[in-house]
């Protein structure tokens, strides 16, 4: 894996201009869309991948304390999970998963945190601790693996 490949994935993930979760965005043939250009990503893939985090997030997010949930909203975790899924899909179809899972997830999280800071969200050490907590990381890993398996079908 090269730094260039990682940057290519990050650029692709954050090329999406979606303002809402993919579950609520239509684009072309898809009723649910991540609004990214990946030839192998079908409308069926987008629909399945847009639905997956919604069905899985509560199992993990509910493990956070009320204080942690107030600090990091459900929607921030959901947005990052969608970005991780697009990154995983692209990593599989473009680079045969050469980019390490943990490295890619961390890079996507850090890019999201930078965007939050640019939009005047306070990203404190406690905020970061919630994002990197075991339940949230387990959720992100499950989303990553789901998207990777969707992508494997296209090889």
Protein backbone atom coordinates (compact mmCIF):
# COMPACT_ATOMS: atom_id res chain seq x y z
CA UNK A 1 0.00 0.00 0.00
CA UNK A 2 1.26 3.40 -0.84
CA UNK A 3 0.39 6.76 0.64
CA UNK A 4 -0.97 7.67 -2.81
CA UNK A 5 -3.47 4.79 -2.75
CA UNK A 6 -4.71 5.85 0.68
CA UNK A 7 -5.08 9.45 -0.51
CA UNK A 8 -6.95 8.24 -3.62
CA UNK A 9 -9.49 6.47 -1.40
CA UNK A 10 -9.82 9.47 0.92
CA UNK A 11 -10.35 11.78 -2.07
CA UNK A 12 -13.01 9.46 -3.47
CA UNK A 13 -14.86 9.10 -0.15
CA UNK A 14 -14.94 12.84 0.44
CA UNK A 15 -15.87 13.68 -3.16
CA UNK A 16 -19.44 12.91 -2.12
CA UNK A 17 -21.51 16.04 -1.69
CA UNK A 18 -24.32 14.29 0.17
CA UNK A 19 -25.80 16.50 2.86
CA UNK A 20 -27.89 13.74 4.36
CA UNK A 21 -27.41 10.02 5.02
CA UNK A 22 -27.29 7.93 1.85
CA UNK A 23 -30.53 6.28 2.89
CA UNK A 24 -32.33 9.54 2.06
CA UNK A 25 -30.59 10.55 -1.17
CA UNK A 26 -31.55 9.53 -4.71
CA UNK A 27 -29.08 9.64 -7.57
CA UNK A 28 -29.57 8.16 -11.04
CA UNK A 29 -31.02 4.65 -10.80
CA UNK A 30 -30.52 4.43 -7.06
CA UNK A 31 -33.17 5.35 -4.52
CA UNK A 32 -30.40 5.43 -1.91
CA UNK A 33 -27.06 6.90 -2.90
CA UNK A 34 -23.63 7.75 -1.54
CA UNK A 35 -23.10 10.12 -4.50
CA UNK A 36 -19.67 8.79 -5.45
CA UNK A 37 -18.35 7.54 -8.77
CA UNK A 38 -17.34 3.88 -8.51
CA UNK A 39 -18.18 1.90 -11.65
CA UNK A 40 -18.68 -1.35 -9.74
CA UNK A 41 -21.04 0.21 -7.19
CA UNK A 42 -24.54 -0.77 -8.32
CA UNK A 43 -27.85 0.67 -7.19
CA UNK A 44 -28.41 -2.60 -5.28
CA UNK A 45 -25.05 -2.20 -3.53
CA UNK A 46 -25.85 1.38 -2.58
CA UNK A 47 -29.27 0.42 -1.26
CA UNK A 48 -27.89 -2.44 0.83
CA UNK A 49 -24.95 -0.38 2.09
CA UNK A 50 -27.16 2.61 2.91
CA UNK A 51 -29.52 0.40 4.89
CA UNK A 52 -26.92 -1.62 6.77
CA UNK A 53 -25.64 1.03 9.24
CA UNK A 54 -29.21 1.98 10.16
CA UNK A 55 -29.96 -1.62 11.10
CA UNK A 56 -26.70 -2.13 13.02
CA UNK A 57 -25.92 1.19 14.75
CA UNK A 58 -28.18 0.87 17.79
CA UNK A 59 -26.46 -2.32 18.94
CA UNK A 60 -23.22 -0.33 19.31
CA UNK A 61 -24.33 3.25 19.95
CA UNK A 62 -26.52 2.14 22.86
CA UNK A 63 -23.38 0.91 24.66
CA UNK A 64 -22.22 4.51 25.04
CA UNK A 65 -23.12 6.38 28.19
CA UNK A 66 -25.66 9.18 28.01
CA UNK A 67 -22.81 11.67 28.40
CA UNK A 68 -20.92 10.10 25.50
CA UNK A 69 -24.04 10.18 23.34
CA UNK A 70 -24.52 13.89 24.09
CA UNK A 71 -20.91 14.54 23.13
CA UNK A 72 -20.97 12.58 19.84
CA UNK A 73 -24.33 12.44 18.11
CA UNK A 74 -25.81 9.43 16.40
CA UNK A 75 -25.61 11.27 13.07
CA UNK A 76 -21.86 11.86 13.32
CA UNK A 77 -21.29 8.15 13.93
CA UNK A 78 -23.66 7.26 11.10
CA UNK A 79 -21.95 9.63 8.63
CA UNK A 80 -18.54 8.21 9.47
CA UNK A 81 -19.83 4.65 9.10
CA UNK A 82 -21.11 5.45 5.60
CA UNK A 83 -17.77 6.99 4.65
CA UNK A 84 -15.99 3.90 5.97
CA UNK A 85 -18.25 1.69 3.86
CA UNK A 86 -17.44 3.63 0.69
CA UNK A 87 -13.74 3.47 1.57
CA UNK A 88 -13.93 -0.28 2.13
CA UNK A 89 -15.78 -0.86 -1.13
CA UNK A 90 -13.30 1.24 -3.11
CA UNK A 91 -10.31 -0.36 -1.36
CA UNK A 92 -11.54 -3.80 -2.42
CA UNK A 93 -12.45 -3.05 -6.04
CA UNK A 94 -9.54 -0.71 -6.78
CA UNK A 95 -6.68 -2.02 -4.66
CA UNK A 96 -7.72 -5.59 -3.72
CA UNK A 97 -7.78 -4.54 -0.05
CA UNK A 98 -4.11 -3.62 0.00
CA UNK A 99 -4.81 -0.74 2.36
CA UNK A 100 -4.89 -1.95 5.97
CA UNK A 101 -8.40 -1.88 7.48
CA UNK A 102 -7.40 -0.04 10.67
CA UNK A 103 -5.31 2.47 8.73
CA UNK A 104 -8.14 3.25 6.32
CA UNK A 105 -10.74 3.56 9.07
CA UNK A 106 -8.45 5.88 11.06
CA UNK A 107 -7.75 8.04 7.99
CA UNK A 108 -11.48 8.42 7.28
CA UNK A 109 -12.20 9.26 10.91
CA UNK A 110 -9.44 11.87 10.99
CA UNK A 111 -10.67 13.49 7.77
CA UNK A 112 -14.18 13.63 9.26
CA UNK A 113 -12.83 15.18 12.46
CA UNK A 114 -11.02 17.82 10.43
CA UNK A 115 -14.26 18.63 8.60
CA UNK A 116 -16.13 18.89 11.90
CA UNK A 117 -13.49 21.31 13.24
CA UNK A 118 -13.77 23.40 10.04
CA UNK A 119 -17.49 23.62 10.77
CA UNK A 120 -16.89 24.86 14.32
CA UNK A 121 -17.61 21.59 16.10
CA UNK A 122 -15.41 21.23 19.16
CA UNK A 123 -13.41 18.03 18.75
CA UNK A 124 -12.08 17.60 22.27
CA UNK A 125 -10.03 14.73 23.65
CA UNK A 126 -13.25 13.34 25.12
CA UNK A 127 -14.97 13.59 21.72
CA UNK A 128 -12.08 11.69 20.13
CA UNK A 129 -12.19 9.10 22.92
CA UNK A 130 -15.83 8.35 22.10
CA UNK A 131 -15.11 8.01 18.38
CA UNK A 132 -12.22 5.66 19.14
CA UNK A 133 -14.10 3.74 21.86
CA UNK A 134 -14.54 -0.02 21.54
CA UNK A 135 -18.27 0.01 20.67
CA UNK A 136 -17.89 2.62 17.93
CA UNK A 137 -14.77 1.02 16.49
CA UNK A 138 -16.52 -2.37 16.46
CA UNK A 139 -19.43 -0.79 14.59
CA UNK A 140 -17.08 0.81 12.05
CA UNK A 141 -15.29 -2.52 11.56
CA UNK A 142 -18.61 -4.32 10.96
CA UNK A 143 -19.59 -1.68 8.40
CA UNK A 144 -16.19 -2.01 6.73
CA UNK A 145 -16.51 -5.80 6.47
CA UNK A 146 -20.06 -5.60 5.12
CA UNK A 147 -19.03 -3.20 2.35
CA UNK A 148 -15.94 -5.25 1.55
CA UNK A 149 -18.10 -8.36 1.09
CA UNK A 150 -20.42 -6.44 -1.23
CA UNK A 151 -17.37 -5.42 -3.28
CA UNK A 152 -15.94 -8.94 -3.46
CA UNK A 153 -18.92 -9.94 -5.61
CA UNK A 154 -17.59 -7.68 -8.36
CA UNK A 155 -14.19 -9.33 -8.71
